[in-house]
Structure formats: C-alpha cells, structure tokens
Amino acid sequence: MVKLEKRSTQSILTLSPNRSLTWAEAKWIMAIMVAVVMIIAIAWTFVGAWIVLPFAGVEVGLFVLLMYKVTRSTYLKQIVTFNDEQIRVEMGINRRLSSQTIPRLGTDIFYSETERNWTTPKITLHNGSKRLQIGEFLNSEDMALLRENLEELGFPICREHWWK
C-alpha cells in the first residue's frame, strides 16, 4: 500500500506490503494445521507407530514459526519523508528499526525492471556513493503507484531501459 501525504513543508510517503492475511486469520490457520497434524500423529501413536509423533511436532513447530515470521513481515512499514533539504527513510515494525538520511540535492531516482518484467521493478535513490532502495516489499501495482507519486513530487525518474 502506498499513501502520499502532502504538508506545507514536506511530503510523506508511507509504504507497507500487501496484507491479504490478518494476524487473527493466520492464528486460525496455524491452530487448524496443528490440530489436524497432531490428531493424525496421535492416531498413529495409538496404532504403534510412535516414531511419527516427534516428526509431527517438528513439522508443526516449523510451520508455526514460519507462518509467524511471514505474517509479522507484512506489518513492516517504510516512511519516506521529503523536505527541501533532505530525504529521510525510516523502516520498522511497530517502531523505527532503522533510519537513513540523504541530501535531496543531487539525488536521482532510478527505476529498474527486468527485460521481460519477470520480477518486481526496483526503485533506488542514488546520491553519489549512497544508494537506498525503497519499497522492496511492494507488489508491482504498488511499485507503479510509488513511481507515479514520486513523479508527482517532481522527481525525474531515470529508467534502466529508457526506450520503454
């Protein structure tokens, strides 16, 4: 999701990934998966194949861990603040984990895409030797919207494939 907020002295772009699965829905999916796998594993244990139980526990534990990490990553937020002097990029989940600042003067925005559009395009802020990629977690529709918002803010977009 891309939101642009314009104020008198600055513009703020808020970027967040597509969250098609809420945390409550993810917990339901994890609970159902744990219940099904453990019922089957306990049934096999009663039949005499007790060796299935530890592997089922590892499978369920790994599934819950990975589901938690993926769902948590959808709450990542990137806030890009543009003012007359600088561009500040803040990123984090529930709180600011990182913040980087580059001067606005001399900063170019590069839009790079693959030749046959197989992957999501990348938008990178270049200022001399410093490079910051923004919106790396966005889908292609949101990346196009981010590009339009940057053009609306008056930034020229440099394309890798200028003929497209």
N, C-alpha and C. Protein backbone atom coordinates (compact mmCIF):
# COMPACT_ATOMS: atom_id res chain seq x y z
N MET A 1 0.85 -1.16 0.00
CA MET A 1 0.00 0.00 0.00
C MET A 1 0.90 1.23 0.00
N VAL A 2 0.53 2.23 -0.79
CA VAL A 2 1.29 3.46 -0.92
C VAL A 2 0.36 4.62 -0.60
N LYS A 3 0.75 5.41 0.41
CA LYS A 3 -0.04 6.60 0.76
C LYS A 3 0.86 7.82 0.69
N LEU A 4 0.38 8.86 0.03
CA LEU A 4 1.12 10.12 -0.07
C LEU A 4 0.39 11.18 0.73
N GLU A 5 1.12 11.83 1.62
CA GLU A 5 0.55 12.90 2.43
C GLU A 5 1.41 14.14 2.20
N LYS A 6 0.77 15.18 1.68
CA LYS A 6 1.49 16.43 1.41
C LYS A 6 1.19 17.43 2.51
N ARG A 7 2.25 18.02 3.03
CA ARG A 7 2.13 19.08 4.02
C ARG A 7 2.79 20.33 3.44
N SER A 8 2.75 21.41 4.18
CA SER A 8 3.28 22.66 3.65
C SER A 8 4.80 22.61 3.45
N THR A 9 5.53 21.98 4.35
CA THR A 9 6.99 21.97 4.25
C THR A 9 7.57 20.63 3.83
N GLN A 10 6.76 19.59 3.83
CA GLN A 10 7.28 18.27 3.49
C GLN A 10 6.20 17.37 2.93
N SER A 11 6.64 16.31 2.27
CA SER A 11 5.74 15.27 1.77
C SER A 11 6.17 13.95 2.38
N ILE A 12 5.18 13.14 2.75
CA ILE A 12 5.47 11.87 3.41
C ILE A 12 4.83 10.74 2.62
N LEU A 13 5.66 9.79 2.21
CA LEU A 13 5.20 8.57 1.55
C LEU A 13 5.25 7.44 2.57
N THR A 14 4.12 6.78 2.79
CA THR A 14 4.07 5.64 3.70
C THR A 14 3.88 4.39 2.85
N LEU A 15 4.81 3.46 2.97
CA LEU A 15 4.81 2.23 2.19
C LEU A 15 4.64 1.04 3.11
N SER A 16 3.73 0.16 2.76
CA SER A 16 3.54 -1.07 3.53
C SER A 16 3.15 -2.19 2.57
N PRO A 17 3.55 -3.43 2.86
CA PRO A 17 3.25 -4.53 1.95
C PRO A 17 1.76 -4.90 1.94
N ASN A 18 1.38 -5.64 0.92
CA ASN A 18 0.02 -6.13 0.81
C ASN A 18 -0.22 -7.13 1.95
N ARG A 19 -1.26 -6.88 2.72
CA ARG A 19 -1.57 -7.75 3.86
C ARG A 19 -2.91 -8.42 3.58
N SER A 20 -2.87 -9.51 2.82
CA SER A 20 -4.11 -10.20 2.48
C SER A 20 -4.54 -11.17 3.58
N LEU A 21 -3.69 -11.41 4.55
CA LEU A 21 -3.99 -12.31 5.66
C LEU A 21 -3.73 -11.57 6.96
N THR A 22 -4.76 -11.40 7.77
CA THR A 22 -4.59 -10.70 9.05
C THR A 22 -3.97 -11.65 10.07
N TRP A 23 -3.55 -11.09 11.19
CA TRP A 23 -2.94 -11.90 12.25
C TRP A 23 -3.96 -12.87 12.83
N ALA A 24 -5.20 -12.44 12.98
CA ALA A 24 -6.24 -13.33 13.52
C ALA A 24 -6.48 -14.51 12.57
N GLU A 25 -6.53 -14.25 11.27
CA GLU A 25 -6.71 -15.33 10.30
C GLU A 25 -5.51 -16.27 10.30
N ALA A 26 -4.31 -15.73 10.44
CA ALA A 26 -3.11 -16.56 10.49
C ALA A 26 -3.13 -17.48 11.71
N LYS A 27 -3.60 -16.96 12.85
CA LYS A 27 -3.69 -17.79 14.05
C LYS A 27 -4.68 -18.92 13.86
N TRP A 28 -5.80 -18.66 13.18
CA TRP A 28 -6.77 -19.71 12.90
C TRP A 28 -6.15 -20.79 12.00
N ILE A 29 -5.44 -20.38 10.98
CA ILE A 29 -4.81 -21.35 10.07
C ILE A 29 -3.78 -22.19 10.83
N MET A 30 -2.99 -21.54 11.68
CA MET A 30 -2.00 -22.29 12.46
C MET A 30 -2.67 -23.28 13.41
N ALA A 31 -3.75 -22.86 14.07
CA ALA A 31 -4.45 -23.74 15.01
C ALA A 31 -5.06 -24.94 14.29
N ILE A 32 -5.66 -24.72 13.14
CA ILE A 32 -6.26 -25.82 12.37
C ILE A 32 -5.18 -26.79 11.91
N MET A 33 -4.06 -26.27 11.42
CA MET A 33 -2.97 -27.12 10.94
C MET A 33 -2.39 -27.95 12.10
N VAL A 34 -2.18 -27.30 13.24
CA VAL A 34 -1.65 -28.01 14.41
C VAL A 34 -2.62 -29.11 14.83
N ALA A 35 -3.91 -28.80 14.88
CA ALA A 35 -4.91 -29.79 15.30
C ALA A 35 -4.93 -30.98 14.36
N VAL A 36 -4.97 -30.74 13.06
CA VAL A 36 -5.04 -31.84 12.09
C VAL A 36 -3.80 -32.72 12.17
N VAL A 37 -2.63 -32.11 12.15
CA VAL A 37 -1.39 -32.89 12.16
C VAL A 37 -1.25 -33.67 13.47
N MET A 38 -1.57 -33.05 14.59
CA MET A 38 -1.42 -33.73 15.87
C MET A 38 -2.45 -34.84 16.06
N ILE A 39 -3.66 -34.66 15.55
CA ILE A 39 -4.66 -35.75 15.62
C ILE A 39 -4.18 -36.96 14.83
N ILE A 40 -3.65 -36.71 13.64
CA ILE A 40 -3.13 -37.81 12.82
C ILE A 40 -1.93 -38.47 13.51
N ALA A 41 -1.02 -37.66 14.07
CA ALA A 41 0.17 -38.21 14.73
C ALA A 41 -0.21 -39.02 15.97
N ILE A 42 -1.17 -38.54 16.74
CA ILE A 42 -1.59 -39.28 17.94
C ILE A 42 -2.30 -40.57 17.54
N ALA A 43 -3.07 -40.54 16.45
CA ALA A 43 -3.71 -41.76 15.97
C ALA A 43 -2.65 -42.80 15.58
N TRP A 44 -1.61 -42.38 14.89
CA TRP A 44 -0.53 -43.30 14.53
C TRP A 44 0.21 -43.80 15.77
N THR A 45 0.30 -42.95 16.79
CA THR A 45 0.95 -43.37 18.03
C THR A 45 0.16 -44.48 18.71
N PHE A 46 -1.18 -44.36 18.73
CA PHE A 46 -2.01 -45.40 19.33
C PHE A 46 -1.94 -46.71 18.55
N VAL A 47 -1.70 -46.63 17.27
CA VAL A 47 -1.58 -47.83 16.44
C VAL A 47 -0.23 -48.51 16.67
N GLY A 48 0.73 -47.75 17.18
CA GLY A 48 2.04 -48.34 17.46
C GLY A 48 3.18 -47.66 16.73
N ALA A 49 2.89 -46.73 15.87
CA ALA A 49 3.94 -46.03 15.13
C ALA A 49 4.28 -44.73 15.85
N TRP A 50 4.83 -44.87 17.06
CA TRP A 50 5.10 -43.70 17.90
C TRP A 50 6.18 -42.79 17.32
N ILE A 51 6.98 -43.32 16.41
CA ILE A 51 8.07 -42.53 15.82
C ILE A 51 7.54 -41.34 15.00
N VAL A 52 6.27 -41.39 14.64
CA VAL A 52 5.66 -40.30 13.87
C VAL A 52 5.50 -39.04 14.73
N LEU A 53 5.29 -39.22 16.02
CA LEU A 53 4.97 -38.10 16.92
C LEU A 53 6.06 -37.02 16.97
N PRO A 54 7.34 -37.34 17.14
CA PRO A 54 8.34 -36.26 17.17
C PRO A 54 8.46 -35.51 15.84
N PHE A 55 8.33 -36.24 14.74
CA PHE A 55 8.42 -35.58 13.43
C PHE A 55 7.22 -34.67 13.20
N ALA A 56 6.06 -35.10 13.66
CA ALA A 56 4.87 -34.25 13.55
C ALA A 56 5.05 -32.99 14.40
N GLY A 57 5.65 -33.14 15.58
CA GLY A 57 5.91 -31.97 16.42
C GLY A 57 6.87 -31.00 15.77
N VAL A 58 7.92 -31.52 15.14
CA VAL A 58 8.88 -30.66 14.43
C VAL A 58 8.20 -29.98 13.25
N GLU A 59 7.39 -30.73 12.51
CA GLU A 59 6.68 -30.15 11.36
C GLU A 59 5.76 -29.02 11.81
N VAL A 60 4.99 -29.26 12.85
CA VAL A 60 4.05 -28.25 13.34
C VAL A 60 4.81 -27.04 13.89
N GLY A 61 5.87 -27.28 14.63
CA GLY A 61 6.65 -26.18 15.18
C GLY A 61 7.27 -25.32 14.09
N LEU A 62 7.82 -25.95 13.08
CA LEU A 62 8.41 -25.21 11.96
C LEU A 62 7.35 -24.44 11.19
N PHE A 63 6.19 -25.06 10.98
CA PHE A 63 5.10 -24.37 10.29
C PHE A 63 4.65 -23.13 11.05
N VAL A 64 4.47 -23.25 12.36
CA VAL A 64 4.03 -22.11 13.18
C VAL A 64 5.10 -21.02 13.17
N LEU A 65 6.36 -21.38 13.30
CA LEU A 65 7.44 -20.40 13.29
C LEU A 65 7.48 -19.63 11.97
N LEU A 66 7.44 -20.35 10.86
CA LEU A 66 7.50 -19.69 9.55
C LEU A 66 6.25 -18.86 9.28
N MET A 67 5.10 -19.35 9.68
CA MET A 67 3.86 -18.59 9.50
C MET A 67 3.91 -17.29 10.31
N TYR A 68 4.45 -17.36 11.52
CA TYR A 68 4.60 -16.17 12.35
C TYR A 68 5.53 -15.16 11.70
N LYS A 69 6.69 -15.64 11.21
CA LYS A 69 7.66 -14.73 10.61
C LYS A 69 7.10 -14.07 9.35
N VAL A 70 6.41 -14.83 8.51
CA VAL A 70 5.85 -14.27 7.28
C VAL A 70 4.75 -13.26 7.61
N THR A 71 3.87 -13.61 8.54
CA THR A 71 2.78 -12.70 8.90
C THR A 71 3.34 -11.44 9.56
N ARG A 72 4.34 -11.58 10.39
CA ARG A 72 4.95 -10.41 11.03
C ARG A 72 5.59 -9.48 9.99
N SER A 73 6.20 -10.05 8.97
CA SER A 73 6.86 -9.22 7.96
C SER A 73 5.86 -8.40 7.15
N THR A 74 4.58 -8.78 7.15
CA THR A 74 3.59 -7.97 6.44
C THR A 74 3.23 -6.71 7.20
N TYR A 75 3.68 -6.59 8.43
CA TYR A 75 3.44 -5.38 9.21
C TYR A 75 4.61 -4.39 9.12
N LEU A 76 5.57 -4.68 8.25
CA LEU A 76 6.69 -3.78 8.02
C LEU A 76 6.18 -2.49 7.38
N LYS A 77 6.74 -1.39 7.79
CA LYS A 77 6.33 -0.10 7.24
C LYS A 77 7.58 0.71 6.93
N GLN A 78 7.54 1.40 5.80
CA GLN A 78 8.64 2.28 5.41
C GLN A 78 8.05 3.67 5.21
N ILE A 79 8.62 4.65 5.89
CA ILE A 79 8.15 6.03 5.79
C ILE A 79 9.26 6.85 5.15
N VAL A 80 8.96 7.44 4.00
CA VAL A 80 9.93 8.26 3.27
C VAL A 80 9.46 9.70 3.36
N THR A 81 10.27 10.55 3.98
CA THR A 81 9.92 11.95 4.19
C THR A 81 10.80 12.82 3.30
N PHE A 82 10.15 13.63 2.47
CA PHE A 82 10.85 14.55 1.57
C PHE A 82 10.63 15.97 2.06
N ASN A 83 11.72 16.72 2.28
CA ASN A 83 11.59 18.15 2.50
C ASN A 83 12.58 18.86 1.58
N ASP A 84 12.78 20.15 1.75
CA ASP A 84 13.62 20.90 0.82
C ASP A 84 15.10 20.51 0.88
N GLU A 85 15.57 20.06 2.03
CA GLU A 85 16.99 19.78 2.20
C GLU A 85 17.36 18.30 2.13
N GLN A 86 16.47 17.42 2.59
CA GLN A 86 16.87 16.03 2.72
C GLN A 86 15.72 15.07 2.47
N ILE A 87 16.11 13.81 2.31
CA ILE A 87 15.16 12.70 2.19
C ILE A 87 15.50 11.74 3.33
N ARG A 88 14.51 11.44 4.16
CA ARG A 88 14.71 10.53 5.29
C ARG A 88 13.87 9.27 5.07
N VAL A 89 14.51 8.13 5.20
CA VAL A 89 13.83 6.83 5.03
C VAL A 89 13.89 6.11 6.38
N GLU A 90 12.70 5.88 6.96
CA GLU A 90 12.59 5.17 8.23
C GLU A 90 11.87 3.85 7.99
N MET A 91 12.32 2.80 8.67
CA MET A 91 11.71 1.50 8.44
C MET A 91 11.61 0.74 9.75
N GLY A 92 10.53 -0.03 9.90
CA GLY A 92 10.38 -0.84 11.10
C GLY A 92 9.02 -1.47 11.21
N ILE A 93 8.90 -2.33 12.23
CA ILE A 93 7.64 -2.97 12.57
C ILE A 93 7.29 -2.49 13.98
N ASN A 94 6.18 -1.80 14.11
CA ASN A 94 5.69 -1.25 15.38
C ASN A 94 6.56 -0.13 15.96
N ARG A 95 7.79 -0.03 15.53
CA ARG A 95 8.67 1.06 15.96
C ARG A 95 9.77 1.21 14.90
N ARG A 96 10.49 2.31 14.98
CA ARG A 96 11.54 2.56 13.99
C ARG A 96 12.74 1.67 14.29
N LEU A 97 13.10 0.84 13.32
CA LEU A 97 14.27 -0.03 13.46
C LEU A 97 15.49 0.57 12.79
N SER A 98 15.27 1.31 11.70
CA SER A 98 16.39 1.94 11.00
C SER A 98 15.93 3.26 10.41
N SER A 99 16.88 4.17 10.30
CA SER A 99 16.61 5.48 9.72
C SER A 99 17.85 5.93 8.97
N GLN A 100 17.65 6.32 7.71
CA GLN A 100 18.76 6.81 6.90
C GLN A 100 18.35 8.12 6.25
N THR A 101 19.30 9.02 6.13
CA THR A 101 19.04 10.33 5.56
C THR A 101 20.04 10.60 4.45
N ILE A 102 19.54 11.12 3.34
CA ILE A 102 20.42 11.56 2.26
C ILE A 102 19.98 12.96 1.84
N PRO A 103 20.92 13.78 1.35
CA PRO A 103 20.53 15.12 0.91
C PRO A 103 19.67 15.04 -0.34
N ARG A 104 18.69 15.94 -0.44
CA ARG A 104 17.79 15.92 -1.59
C ARG A 104 18.50 16.43 -2.85
N LEU A 105 19.35 17.44 -2.69
CA LEU A 105 20.06 18.00 -3.82
C LEU A 105 21.04 16.96 -4.38
N GLY A 106 20.94 16.67 -5.63
CA GLY A 106 21.82 15.70 -6.27
C GLY A 106 21.34 14.27 -6.18
N THR A 107 20.16 14.05 -5.65
CA THR A 107 19.63 12.69 -5.54
C THR A 107 18.82 12.35 -6.79
N ASP A 108 19.17 11.24 -7.40
CA ASP A 108 18.45 10.74 -8.57
C ASP A 108 17.67 9.51 -8.16
N ILE A 109 16.54 9.30 -8.84
CA ILE A 109 15.71 8.13 -8.56
C ILE A 109 15.78 7.21 -9.78
N PHE A 110 16.26 5.99 -9.55
CA PHE A 110 16.38 5.01 -10.62
C PHE A 110 15.27 3.98 -10.51
N TYR A 111 14.66 3.71 -11.66
CA TYR A 111 13.59 2.72 -11.76
C TYR A 111 14.13 1.61 -12.66
N SER A 112 14.40 0.46 -12.09
CA SER A 112 14.96 -0.64 -12.89
C SER A 112 13.99 -1.81 -12.89
N GLU A 113 13.86 -2.39 -14.06
CA GLU A 113 12.98 -3.54 -14.24
C GLU A 113 13.69 -4.55 -15.11
N THR A 114 13.25 -5.79 -15.04
CA THR A 114 13.85 -6.83 -15.87
C THR A 114 13.36 -6.68 -17.30
N GLU A 115 14.06 -7.34 -18.19
CA GLU A 115 13.75 -7.18 -19.61
C GLU A 115 12.34 -7.64 -19.97
N ARG A 116 11.90 -8.73 -19.38
CA ARG A 116 10.56 -9.25 -19.69
C ARG A 116 9.60 -9.10 -18.52
N ASN A 117 9.94 -8.23 -17.57
CA ASN A 117 9.10 -7.95 -16.40
C ASN A 117 8.77 -9.21 -15.60
N TRP A 118 9.76 -10.04 -15.36
CA TRP A 118 9.55 -11.27 -14.60
C TRP A 118 9.56 -11.02 -13.10
N THR A 119 10.23 -9.96 -12.68
CA THR A 119 10.28 -9.64 -11.26
C THR A 119 9.74 -8.23 -11.04
N THR A 120 9.51 -7.92 -9.80
CA THR A 120 9.00 -6.60 -9.44
C THR A 120 10.08 -5.55 -9.72
N PRO A 121 9.70 -4.41 -10.27
CA PRO A 121 10.69 -3.35 -10.50
C PRO A 121 11.29 -2.86 -9.18
N LYS A 122 12.44 -2.22 -9.27
CA LYS A 122 13.12 -1.68 -8.09
C LYS A 122 13.23 -0.17 -8.24
N ILE A 123 13.02 0.54 -7.14
CA ILE A 123 13.20 1.99 -7.12
C ILE A 123 14.31 2.28 -6.11
N THR A 124 15.36 2.95 -6.60
CA THR A 124 16.53 3.22 -5.78
C THR A 124 16.84 4.70 -5.80
N LEU A 125 17.14 5.25 -4.62
CA LEU A 125 17.59 6.64 -4.50
C LEU A 125 19.11 6.64 -4.56
N HIS A 126 19.70 7.39 -5.51
CA HIS A 126 21.15 7.47 -5.67
C HIS A 126 21.60 8.88 -5.36
N ASN A 127 22.60 9.00 -4.51
CA ASN A 127 23.22 10.29 -4.25
C ASN A 127 24.71 10.05 -4.08
N GLY A 128 25.45 10.22 -5.14
CA GLY A 128 26.89 9.95 -5.08
C GLY A 128 27.13 8.48 -4.87
N SER A 129 27.75 8.15 -3.75
CA SER A 129 28.07 6.75 -3.48
C SER A 129 26.99 6.06 -2.64
N LYS A 130 26.03 6.82 -2.14
CA LYS A 130 25.00 6.25 -1.27
C LYS A 130 23.78 5.85 -2.09
N ARG A 131 23.29 4.64 -1.85
CA ARG A 131 22.10 4.13 -2.54
C ARG A 131 21.13 3.58 -1.50
N LEU A 132 19.86 3.92 -1.69
CA LEU A 132 18.80 3.42 -0.81
C LEU A 132 17.68 2.86 -1.69
N GLN A 133 17.36 1.60 -1.49
CA GLN A 133 16.22 1.03 -2.21
C GLN A 133 14.98 1.21 -1.36
N ILE A 134 13.92 1.71 -1.98
CA ILE A 134 12.68 1.91 -1.24
C ILE A 134 11.59 1.02 -1.83
N GLY A 135 10.69 0.58 -0.98
CA GLY A 135 9.55 -0.22 -1.42
C GLY A 135 9.90 -1.60 -1.92
N GLU A 136 10.96 -2.20 -1.39
CA GLU A 136 11.38 -3.51 -1.90
C GLU A 136 10.36 -4.61 -1.62
N PHE A 137 9.43 -4.37 -0.71
CA PHE A 137 8.42 -5.37 -0.35
C PHE A 137 7.09 -5.13 -1.06
N LEU A 138 7.02 -4.14 -1.94
CA LEU A 138 5.77 -3.82 -2.64
C LEU A 138 5.55 -4.75 -3.82
N ASN A 139 4.29 -4.96 -4.18
CA ASN A 139 3.98 -5.72 -5.39
C ASN A 139 4.09 -4.78 -6.59
N SER A 140 3.94 -5.30 -7.80
CA SER A 140 4.19 -4.49 -9.00
C SER A 140 3.19 -3.34 -9.15
N GLU A 141 1.92 -3.54 -8.76
CA GLU A 141 0.93 -2.46 -8.86
C GLU A 141 1.28 -1.32 -7.90
N ASP A 142 1.66 -1.67 -6.68
CA ASP A 142 2.05 -0.65 -5.71
C ASP A 142 3.35 0.04 -6.12
N MET A 143 4.26 -0.70 -6.76
CA MET A 143 5.51 -0.11 -7.22
C MET A 143 5.23 0.93 -8.32
N ALA A 144 4.27 0.63 -9.20
CA ALA A 144 3.88 1.61 -10.23
C ALA A 144 3.25 2.84 -9.59
N LEU A 145 2.44 2.64 -8.56
CA LEU A 145 1.84 3.76 -7.84
C LEU A 145 2.91 4.60 -7.13
N LEU A 146 3.90 3.95 -6.56
CA LEU A 146 5.01 4.66 -5.93
C LEU A 146 5.75 5.51 -6.95
N ARG A 147 5.98 4.95 -8.12
CA ARG A 147 6.66 5.70 -9.18
C ARG A 147 5.85 6.93 -9.58
N GLU A 148 4.53 6.77 -9.73
CA GLU A 148 3.67 7.91 -10.06
C GLU A 148 3.72 8.98 -8.98
N ASN A 149 3.71 8.56 -7.72
CA ASN A 149 3.77 9.52 -6.61
C ASN A 149 5.10 10.27 -6.60
N LEU A 150 6.19 9.58 -6.90
CA LEU A 150 7.49 10.25 -6.96
C LEU A 150 7.54 11.25 -8.10
N GLU A 151 6.95 10.90 -9.24
CA GLU A 151 6.88 11.84 -10.35
C GLU A 151 6.01 13.04 -9.99
N GLU A 152 4.94 12.81 -9.25
CA GLU A 152 4.06 13.89 -8.81
C GLU A 152 4.79 14.85 -7.87
N LEU A 153 5.74 14.32 -7.10
CA LEU A 153 6.52 15.16 -6.20
C LEU A 153 7.61 15.95 -6.94
N GLY A 154 7.76 15.71 -8.24
CA GLY A 154 8.70 16.48 -9.04
C GLY A 154 10.05 15.82 -9.25
N PHE A 155 10.17 14.55 -8.94
CA PHE A 155 11.43 13.85 -9.15
C PHE A 155 11.47 13.28 -10.56
N PRO A 156 12.54 13.53 -11.31
CA PRO A 156 12.68 12.84 -12.60
C PRO A 156 13.08 11.39 -12.34
N ILE A 157 12.46 10.49 -13.03
CA ILE A 157 12.73 9.07 -12.86
C ILE A 157 13.66 8.62 -13.98
N CYS A 158 14.81 8.07 -13.61
CA CYS A 158 15.76 7.54 -14.58
C CYS A 158 15.47 6.06 -14.75
N ARG A 159 15.27 5.65 -15.99
CA ARG A 159 14.96 4.25 -16.26
C ARG A 159 16.19 3.53 -16.78
N GLU A 160 16.30 2.29 -16.41
CA GLU A 160 17.38 1.46 -16.91
C GLU A 160 17.17 1.18 -18.40
N HIS A 161 15.93 0.89 -18.77
CA HIS A 161 15.57 0.69 -20.17
C HIS A 161 14.83 1.94 -20.63
N TRP A 162 15.55 2.92 -21.10
CA TRP A 162 14.96 4.22 -21.44
C TRP A 162 14.01 4.15 -22.62
N TRP A 163 14.11 3.11 -23.44
CA TRP A 163 13.28 3.02 -24.63
C TRP A 163 11.88 2.50 -24.34
N LYS A 164 11.64 2.02 -23.12
CA LYS A 164 10.31 1.51 -22.78
C LYS A 164 9.39 2.62 -22.37
